[in-house]
Amino acid sequence: MARITMRVEPRHADNSPCDHAVKPSGRPRDPGSGCPGRTQFAVVCSEHGDVGRPHHVKVLAEPAAAEHREEHRSCLAAASRS
């Protein structure tokens, strides 16, 4: 069985991944990088892809990631009992 991973990924306003160095405000550290800035955080599951809607602050995305992780654990526990 493959390992299922959950991560919180920073995103631009157009929902594309933001892997640029940014300030705590979400603006790019290097103005010449072409990065429009980070505006949201998406919960990404290795099995399901994006989970739910993006969150505007990381602290709200982390509980959503933990909740989705628990859904996987409960499904595995139910399957092992059968």
PDB file of N, CA and C in Angstrom:
ATOM      1  N   MET A   1       0.839  -1.172   0.000  1.00  0.00           N
ATOM      2  CA  MET A   1       0.000   0.000   0.000  1.00  0.00           C
ATOM      3  C   MET A   1       0.892   1.246   0.000  1.00  0.00           C
ATOM      4  N   ALA A   2       0.581   2.181  -0.825  1.00  0.00           N
ATOM      5  CA  ALA A   2       1.372   3.407  -0.946  1.00  0.00           C
ATOM      6  C   ALA A   2       1.094   4.336   0.228  1.00  0.00           C
ATOM      7  N   ARG A   3       2.093   5.088   0.594  1.00  0.00           N
ATOM      8  CA  ARG A   3       1.947   6.064   1.670  1.00  0.00           C
ATOM      9  C   ARG A   3       1.154   7.255   1.157  1.00  0.00           C
ATOM     10  N   ILE A   4       0.201   7.692   1.946  1.00  0.00           N
ATOM     11  CA  ILE A   4      -0.603   8.861   1.601  1.00  0.00           C
ATOM     12  C   ILE A   4      -0.049  10.046   2.383  1.00  0.00           C
ATOM     13  N   THR A   5       0.263  11.126   1.672  1.00  0.00           N
ATOM     14  CA  THR A   5       0.800  12.310   2.332  1.00  0.00           C
ATOM     15  C   THR A   5      -0.144  13.490   2.150  1.00  0.00           C
ATOM     16  N   MET A   6      -0.087  14.370   3.103  1.00  0.00           N
ATOM     17  CA  MET A   6      -0.912  15.568   3.108  1.00  0.00           C
ATOM     18  C   MET A   6       0.023  16.760   3.260  1.00  0.00           C
ATOM     19  N   ARG A   7      -0.186  17.805   2.462  1.00  0.00           N
ATOM     20  CA  ARG A   7       0.639  19.003   2.630  1.00  0.00           C
ATOM     21  C   ARG A   7      -0.216  20.247   2.409  1.00  0.00           C
ATOM     22  N   VAL A   8       0.249  21.334   2.964  1.00  0.00           N
ATOM     23  CA  VAL A   8      -0.386  22.632   2.764  1.00  0.00           C
ATOM     24  C   VAL A   8       0.520  23.391   1.807  1.00  0.00           C
ATOM     25  N   GLU A   9      -0.017  23.734   0.642  1.00  0.00           N
ATOM     26  CA  GLU A   9       0.774  24.329  -0.432  1.00  0.00           C
ATOM     27  C   GLU A   9       0.390  25.792  -0.651  1.00  0.00           C
ATOM     28  N   PRO A  10       1.372  26.710  -0.641  1.00  0.00           N
ATOM     29  CA  PRO A  10       1.067  28.116  -0.937  1.00  0.00           C
ATOM     30  C   PRO A  10       0.698  28.274  -2.415  1.00  0.00           C
ATOM     31  N   ARG A  11      -0.244  29.151  -2.685  1.00  0.00           N
ATOM     32  CA  ARG A  11      -0.723  29.355  -4.055  1.00  0.00           C
ATOM     33  C   ARG A  11      -0.827  30.844  -4.391  1.00  0.00           C
ATOM     34  N   HIS A  12      -0.741  31.114  -5.703  1.00  0.00           N
ATOM     35  CA  HIS A  12      -0.989  32.460  -6.224  1.00  0.00           C
ATOM     36  C   HIS A  12      -2.496  32.666  -6.338  1.00  0.00           C
ATOM     37  N   ALA A  13      -2.924  33.851  -6.703  1.00  0.00           N
ATOM     38  CA  ALA A  13      -4.348  34.157  -6.854  1.00  0.00           C
ATOM     39  C   ALA A  13      -5.010  33.307  -7.941  1.00  0.00           C
ATOM     40  N   ASP A  14      -4.246  32.902  -8.963  1.00  0.00           N
ATOM     41  CA  ASP A  14      -4.813  32.077 -10.037  1.00  0.00           C
ATOM     42  C   ASP A  14      -4.760  30.585  -9.700  1.00  0.00           C
ATOM     43  N   ASN A  15      -4.458  30.242  -8.457  1.00  0.00           N
ATOM     44  CA  ASN A  15      -4.410  28.886  -7.914  1.00  0.00           C
ATOM     45  C   ASN A  15      -3.199  28.084  -8.397  1.00  0.00           C
ATOM     46  N   SER A  16      -2.216  28.718  -9.003  1.00  0.00           N
ATOM     47  CA  SER A  16      -0.984  28.022  -9.377  1.00  0.00           C
ATOM     48  C   SER A  16      -0.056  27.989  -8.157  1.00  0.00           C
ATOM     49  N   PRO A  17       0.758  26.937  -8.027  1.00  0.00           N
ATOM     50  CA  PRO A  17       1.658  26.827  -6.869  1.00  0.00           C
ATOM     51  C   PRO A  17       2.648  27.986  -6.802  1.00  0.00           C
ATOM     52  N   CYS A  18       2.919  28.441  -5.593  1.00  0.00           N
ATOM     53  CA  CYS A  18       3.886  29.525  -5.371  1.00  0.00           C
ATOM     54  C   CYS A  18       5.093  28.939  -4.648  1.00  0.00           C
ATOM     55  N   ASP A  19       6.195  28.762  -5.370  1.00  0.00           N
ATOM     56  CA  ASP A  19       7.404  28.228  -4.756  1.00  0.00           C
ATOM     57  C   ASP A  19       8.491  29.292  -4.646  1.00  0.00           C
ATOM     58  N   HIS A  20       8.102  30.539  -4.769  1.00  0.00           N
ATOM     59  CA  HIS A  20       9.045  31.660  -4.673  1.00  0.00           C
ATOM     60  C   HIS A  20       9.272  32.033  -3.214  1.00  0.00           C
ATOM     61  N   ALA A  21      10.392  32.674  -2.951  1.00  0.00           N
ATOM     62  CA  ALA A  21      10.648  33.209  -1.619  1.00  0.00           C
ATOM     63  C   ALA A  21       9.742  34.418  -1.423  1.00  0.00           C
ATOM     64  N   VAL A  22       8.955  34.387  -0.349  1.00  0.00           N
ATOM     65  CA  VAL A  22       8.027  35.486  -0.084  1.00  0.00           C
ATOM     66  C   VAL A  22       8.218  36.010   1.330  1.00  0.00           C
ATOM     67  N   LYS A  23       7.799  37.241   1.543  1.00  0.00           N
ATOM     68  CA  LYS A  23       7.819  37.856   2.861  1.00  0.00           C
ATOM     69  C   LYS A  23       6.624  37.322   3.655  1.00  0.00           C
ATOM     70  N   PRO A  24       6.584  37.534   4.955  1.00  0.00           N
ATOM     71  CA  PRO A  24       5.425  37.099   5.736  1.00  0.00           C
ATOM     72  C   PRO A  24       4.098  37.676   5.225  1.00  0.00           C
ATOM     73  N   SER A  25       4.153  38.799   4.560  1.00  0.00           N
ATOM     74  CA  SER A  25       2.941  39.402   4.012  1.00  0.00           C
ATOM     75  C   SER A  25       2.435  38.673   2.774  1.00  0.00           C
ATOM     76  N   GLY A  26       3.269  37.802   2.188  1.00  0.00           N
ATOM     77  CA  GLY A  26       2.900  37.082   0.972  1.00  0.00           C
ATOM     78  C   GLY A  26       3.455  37.712  -0.290  1.00  0.00           C
ATOM     79  N   ARG A  27       4.055  38.870  -0.164  1.00  0.00           N
ATOM     80  CA  ARG A  27       4.657  39.528  -1.327  1.00  0.00           C
ATOM     81  C   ARG A  27       6.031  38.937  -1.610  1.00  0.00           C
ATOM     82  N   PRO A  28       6.451  38.920  -2.874  1.00  0.00           N
ATOM     83  CA  PRO A  28       7.748  38.304  -3.202  1.00  0.00           C
ATOM     84  C   PRO A  28       8.932  39.066  -2.605  1.00  0.00           C
ATOM     85  N   ARG A  29       9.946  38.327  -2.168  1.00  0.00           N
ATOM     86  CA  ARG A  29      11.164  38.962  -1.637  1.00  0.00           C
ATOM     87  C   ARG A  29      11.940  39.636  -2.748  1.00  0.00           C
ATOM     88  N   ASP A  30      11.924  39.029  -3.932  1.00  0.00           N
ATOM     89  CA  ASP A  30      12.609  39.588  -5.091  1.00  0.00           C
ATOM     90  C   ASP A  30      11.562  40.153  -6.035  1.00  0.00           C
ATOM     91  N   PRO A  31      11.455  41.485  -6.134  1.00  0.00           N
ATOM     92  CA  PRO A  31      10.437  42.082  -7.003  1.00  0.00           C
ATOM     93  C   PRO A  31      10.591  41.708  -8.478  1.00  0.00           C
ATOM     94  N   GLY A  32      11.784  41.307  -8.892  1.00  0.00           N
ATOM     95  CA  GLY A  32      12.020  40.951 -10.280  1.00  0.00           C
ATOM     96  C   GLY A  32      11.747  39.484 -10.587  1.00  0.00           C
ATOM     97  N   SER A  33      11.231  38.734  -9.634  1.00  0.00           N
ATOM     98  CA  SER A  33      11.030  37.290  -9.825  1.00  0.00           C
ATOM     99  C   SER A  33       9.829  36.969 -10.710  1.00  0.00           C
ATOM    100  N   GLY A  34       8.934  37.912 -10.881  1.00  0.00           N
ATOM    101  CA  GLY A  34       7.741  37.648 -11.676  1.00  0.00           C
ATOM    102  C   GLY A  34       6.626  37.017 -10.871  1.00  0.00           C
ATOM    103  N   CYS A  35       6.843  36.818  -9.600  1.00  0.00           N
ATOM    104  CA  CYS A  35       5.826  36.224  -8.725  1.00  0.00           C
ATOM    105  C   CYS A  35       4.806  37.290  -8.343  1.00  0.00           C
ATOM    106  N   PRO A  36       3.508  37.023  -8.552  1.00  0.00           N
ATOM    107  CA  PRO A  36       2.500  38.001  -8.160  1.00  0.00           C
ATOM    108  C   PRO A  36       2.248  38.018  -6.660  1.00  0.00           C
ATOM    109  N   GLY A  37       2.787  37.049  -5.943  1.00  0.00           N
ATOM    110  CA  GLY A  37       2.609  36.982  -4.500  1.00  0.00           C
ATOM    111  C   GLY A  37       1.687  35.843  -4.104  1.00  0.00           C
ATOM    112  N   ARG A  38       1.872  35.367  -2.891  1.00  0.00           N
ATOM    113  CA  ARG A  38       1.066  34.267  -2.362  1.00  0.00           C
ATOM    114  C   ARG A  38      -0.225  34.848  -1.780  1.00  0.00           C
ATOM    115  N   THR A  39      -1.354  34.274  -2.131  1.00  0.00           N
ATOM    116  CA  THR A  39      -2.623  34.789  -1.619  1.00  0.00           C
ATOM    117  C   THR A  39      -3.463  33.750  -0.898  1.00  0.00           C
ATOM    118  N   GLN A  40      -3.102  32.453  -1.032  1.00  0.00           N
ATOM    119  CA  GLN A  40      -3.927  31.417  -0.419  1.00  0.00           C
ATOM    120  C   GLN A  40      -3.109  30.152  -0.187  1.00  0.00           C
ATOM    121  N   PHE A  41      -3.682  29.219   0.565  1.00  0.00           N
ATOM    122  CA  PHE A  41      -3.043  27.938   0.866  1.00  0.00           C
ATOM    123  C   PHE A  41      -4.024  26.828   0.557  1.00  0.00           C
ATOM    124  N   ALA A  42      -3.568  25.821  -0.181  1.00  0.00           N
ATOM    125  CA  ALA A  42      -4.419  24.690  -0.534  1.00  0.00           C
ATOM    126  C   ALA A  42      -3.936  23.439   0.196  1.00  0.00           C
ATOM    127  N   VAL A  43      -4.893  22.612   0.615  1.00  0.00           N
ATOM    128  CA  VAL A  43      -4.577  21.312   1.190  1.00  0.00           C
ATOM    129  C   VAL A  43      -4.483  20.335   0.023  1.00  0.00           C
ATOM    130  N   VAL A  44      -3.350  19.644  -0.092  1.00  0.00           N
ATOM    131  CA  VAL A  44      -3.115  18.727  -1.204  1.00  0.00           C
ATOM    132  C   VAL A  44      -2.840  17.335  -0.653  1.00  0.00           C
ATOM    133  N   CYS A  45      -3.637  16.362  -1.102  1.00  0.00           N
ATOM    134  CA  CYS A  45      -3.513  14.961  -0.707  1.00  0.00           C
ATOM    135  C   CYS A  45      -2.831  14.215  -1.856  1.00  0.00           C
ATOM    136  N   SER A  46      -1.902  13.331  -1.532  1.00  0.00           N
ATOM    137  CA  SER A  46      -1.199  12.590  -2.589  1.00  0.00           C
ATOM    138  C   SER A  46      -2.142  11.653  -3.345  1.00  0.00           C
ATOM    139  N   GLU A  47      -3.259  11.276  -2.739  1.00  0.00           N
ATOM    140  CA  GLU A  47      -4.208  10.381  -3.404  1.00  0.00           C
ATOM    141  C   GLU A  47      -5.330  11.137  -4.112  1.00  0.00           C
ATOM    142  N   HIS A  48      -5.827  12.211  -3.501  1.00  0.00           N
ATOM    143  CA  HIS A  48      -6.990  12.930  -4.035  1.00  0.00           C
ATOM    144  C   HIS A  48      -6.678  14.268  -4.698  1.00  0.00           C
ATOM    145  N   GLY A  49      -5.460  14.752  -4.595  1.00  0.00           N
ATOM    146  CA  GLY A  49      -5.131  16.076  -5.134  1.00  0.00           C
ATOM    147  C   GLY A  49      -5.636  17.165  -4.198  1.00  0.00           C
ATOM    148  N   ASP A  50      -6.112  18.273  -4.754  1.00  0.00           N
ATOM    149  CA  ASP A  50      -6.613  19.371  -3.925  1.00  0.00           C
ATOM    150  C   ASP A  50      -7.837  18.911  -3.143  1.00  0.00           C
ATOM    151  N   VAL A  51      -7.861  19.249  -1.850  1.00  0.00           N
ATOM    152  CA  VAL A  51      -8.956  18.864  -0.976  1.00  0.00           C
ATOM    153  C   VAL A  51      -9.662  20.128  -0.508  1.00  0.00           C
ATOM    154  N   GLY A  52     -10.916  20.253  -0.836  1.00  0.00           N
ATOM    155  CA  GLY A  52     -11.676  21.426  -0.409  1.00  0.00           C
ATOM    156  C   GLY A  52     -11.241  22.686  -1.129  1.00  0.00           C
ATOM    157  N   ARG A  53     -11.683  23.795  -0.580  1.00  0.00           N
ATOM    158  CA  ARG A  53     -11.347  25.098  -1.157  1.00  0.00           C
ATOM    159  C   ARG A  53     -10.083  25.647  -0.511  1.00  0.00           C
ATOM    160  N   PRO A  54      -9.335  26.488  -1.230  1.00  0.00           N
ATOM    161  CA  PRO A  54      -8.131  27.094  -0.639  1.00  0.00           C
ATOM    162  C   PRO A  54      -8.491  28.000   0.544  1.00  0.00           C
ATOM    163  N   HIS A  55      -7.563  28.110   1.479  1.00  0.00           N
ATOM    164  CA  HIS A  55      -7.726  28.948   2.667  1.00  0.00           C
ATOM    165  C   HIS A  55      -6.832  30.176   2.515  1.00  0.00           C
ATOM    166  N   HIS A  56      -7.267  31.286   3.089  1.00  0.00           N
ATOM    167  CA  HIS A  56      -6.495  32.520   2.938  1.00  0.00           C
ATOM    168  C   HIS A  56      -5.371  32.652   3.958  1.00  0.00           C
ATOM    169  N   VAL A  57      -5.408  31.838   5.003  1.00  0.00           N
ATOM    170  CA  VAL A  57      -4.304  31.825   5.966  1.00  0.00           C
ATOM    171  C   VAL A  57      -3.913  30.373   6.247  1.00  0.00           C
ATOM    172  N   LYS A  58      -2.640  30.142   6.431  1.00  0.00           N
ATOM    173  CA  LYS A  58      -2.128  28.785   6.605  1.00  0.00           C
ATOM    174  C   LYS A  58      -2.676  28.123   7.865  1.00  0.00           C
ATOM    175  N   VAL A  59      -2.882  28.919   8.904  1.00  0.00           N
ATOM    176  CA  VAL A  59      -3.352  28.357  10.170  1.00  0.00           C
ATOM    177  C   VAL A  59      -4.753  27.745  10.033  1.00  0.00           C
ATOM    178  N   LEU A  60      -5.523  28.154   9.057  1.00  0.00           N
ATOM    179  CA  LEU A  60      -6.835  27.544   8.814  1.00  0.00           C
ATOM    180  C   LEU A  60      -6.733  26.318   7.909  1.00  0.00           C
ATOM    181  N   ALA A  61      -5.707  26.242   7.092  1.00  0.00           N
ATOM    182  CA  ALA A  61      -5.531  25.104   6.196  1.00  0.00           C
ATOM    183  C   ALA A  61      -4.997  23.884   6.947  1.00  0.00           C
ATOM    184  N   GLU A  62      -4.203  24.093   7.973  1.00  0.00           N
ATOM    185  CA  GLU A  62      -3.608  22.973   8.697  1.00  0.00           C
ATOM    186  C   GLU A  62      -4.642  22.068   9.360  1.00  0.00           C
ATOM    187  N   PRO A  63      -5.680  22.592  10.035  1.00  0.00           N
ATOM    188  CA  PRO A  63      -6.708  21.694  10.583  1.00  0.00           C
ATOM    189  C   PRO A  63      -7.478  20.940   9.488  1.00  0.00           C
ATOM    190  N   ALA A  64      -7.674  21.559   8.343  1.00  0.00           N
ATOM    191  CA  ALA A  64      -8.351  20.873   7.236  1.00  0.00           C
ATOM    192  C   ALA A  64      -7.504  19.706   6.741  1.00  0.00           C
ATOM    193  N   ALA A  65      -6.186  19.875   6.718  1.00  0.00           N
ATOM    194  CA  ALA A  65      -5.287  18.790   6.319  1.00  0.00           C
ATOM    195  C   ALA A  65      -5.338  17.658   7.346  1.00  0.00           C
ATOM    196  N   ALA A  66      -5.337  18.011   8.626  1.00  0.00           N
ATOM    197  CA  ALA A  66      -5.412  16.996   9.679  1.00  0.00           C
ATOM    198  C   ALA A  66      -6.746  16.245   9.615  1.00  0.00           C
ATOM    199  N   GLU A  67      -7.818  16.946   9.342  1.00  0.00           N
ATOM    200  CA  GLU A  67      -9.138  16.316   9.237  1.00  0.00           C
ATOM    201  C   GLU A  67      -9.176  15.325   8.071  1.00  0.00           C
ATOM    202  N   HIS A  68      -8.623  15.705   6.937  1.00  0.00           N
ATOM    203  CA  HIS A  68      -8.602  14.808   5.781  1.00  0.00           C
ATOM    204  C   HIS A  68      -7.716  13.595   6.063  1.00  0.00           C
ATOM    205  N   ARG A  69      -6.609  13.808   6.763  1.00  0.00           N
ATOM    206  CA  ARG A  69      -5.717  12.707   7.135  1.00  0.00           C
ATOM    207  C   ARG A  69      -6.463  11.709   8.022  1.00  0.00           C
ATOM    208  N   GLU A  70      -7.268  12.213   8.966  1.00  0.00           N
ATOM    209  CA  GLU A  70      -8.048  11.344   9.846  1.00  0.00           C
ATOM    210  C   GLU A  70      -9.100  10.559   9.068  1.00  0.00           C
ATOM    211  N   GLU A  71      -9.663  11.154   8.010  1.00  0.00           N
ATOM    212  CA  GLU A  71     -10.618  10.430   7.169  1.00  0.00           C
ATOM    213  C   GLU A  71      -9.947   9.210   6.548  1.00  0.00           C
ATOM    214  N   HIS A  72      -8.701   9.366   6.103  1.00  0.00           N
ATOM    215  CA  HIS A  72      -7.968   8.230   5.542  1.00  0.00           C
ATOM    216  C   HIS A  72      -7.733   7.168   6.611  1.00  0.00           C
ATOM    217  N   ARG A  73      -7.356   7.597   7.817  1.00  0.00           N
ATOM    218  CA  ARG A  73      -7.094   6.644   8.890  1.00  0.00           C
ATOM    219  C   ARG A  73      -8.363   5.876   9.269  1.00  0.00           C
ATOM    220  N   SER A  74      -9.489   6.559   9.324  1.00  0.00           N
ATOM    221  CA  SER A  74     -10.725   5.873   9.686  1.00  0.00           C
ATOM    222  C   SER A  74     -11.146   4.885   8.609  1.00  0.00           C
ATOM    223  N   CYS A  75     -10.919   5.217   7.335  1.00  0.00           N
ATOM    224  CA  CYS A  75     -11.231   4.286   6.243  1.00  0.00           C
ATOM    225  C   CYS A  75     -10.336   3.051   6.328  1.00  0.00           C
ATOM    226  N   LEU A  76      -9.054   3.240   6.649  1.00  0.00           N
ATOM    227  CA  LEU A  76      -8.137   2.098   6.775  1.00  0.00           C
ATOM    228  C   LEU A  76      -8.530   1.209   7.947  1.00  0.00           C
ATOM    229  N   ALA A  77      -8.940   1.840   9.061  1.00  0.00           N
ATOM    230  CA  ALA A  77      -9.342   1.067  10.234  1.00  0.00           C
ATOM    231  C   ALA A  77     -10.600   0.263   9.939  1.00  0.00           C
ATOM    232  N   ALA A  78     -11.549   0.857   9.237  1.00  0.00           N
ATOM    233  CA  ALA A  78     -12.784   0.152   8.884  1.00  0.00           C
ATOM    234  C   ALA A  78     -12.497  -0.998   7.911  1.00  0.00           C
ATOM    235  N   ALA A  79     -11.576  -0.788   6.991  1.00  0.00           N
ATOM    236  CA  ALA A  79     -11.233  -1.833   6.026  1.00  0.00           C
ATOM    237  C   ALA A  79     -10.511  -2.996   6.701  1.00  0.00           C
ATOM    238  N   SER A  80      -9.707  -2.710   7.710  1.00  0.00           N
ATOM    239  CA  SER A  80      -8.970  -3.773   8.371  1.00  0.00           C
ATOM    240  C   SER A  80      -9.880  -4.617   9.269  1.00  0.00           C
ATOM    241  N   ARG A  81     -11.010  -4.052   9.717  1.00  0.00           N
ATOM    242  CA  ARG A  81     -11.966  -4.803  10.516  1.00  0.00           C
ATOM    243  C   ARG A  81     -12.814  -5.733   9.673  1.00  0.00           C
ATOM    244  N   SER A  82     -12.915  -5.438   8.398  1.00  0.00           N
ATOM    245  CA  SER A  82     -13.786  -6.254   7.516  1.00  0.00           C
ATOM    246  C   SER A  82     -13.144  -7.536   7.085  1.00  0.00           C
TER     247      SER A  82
END
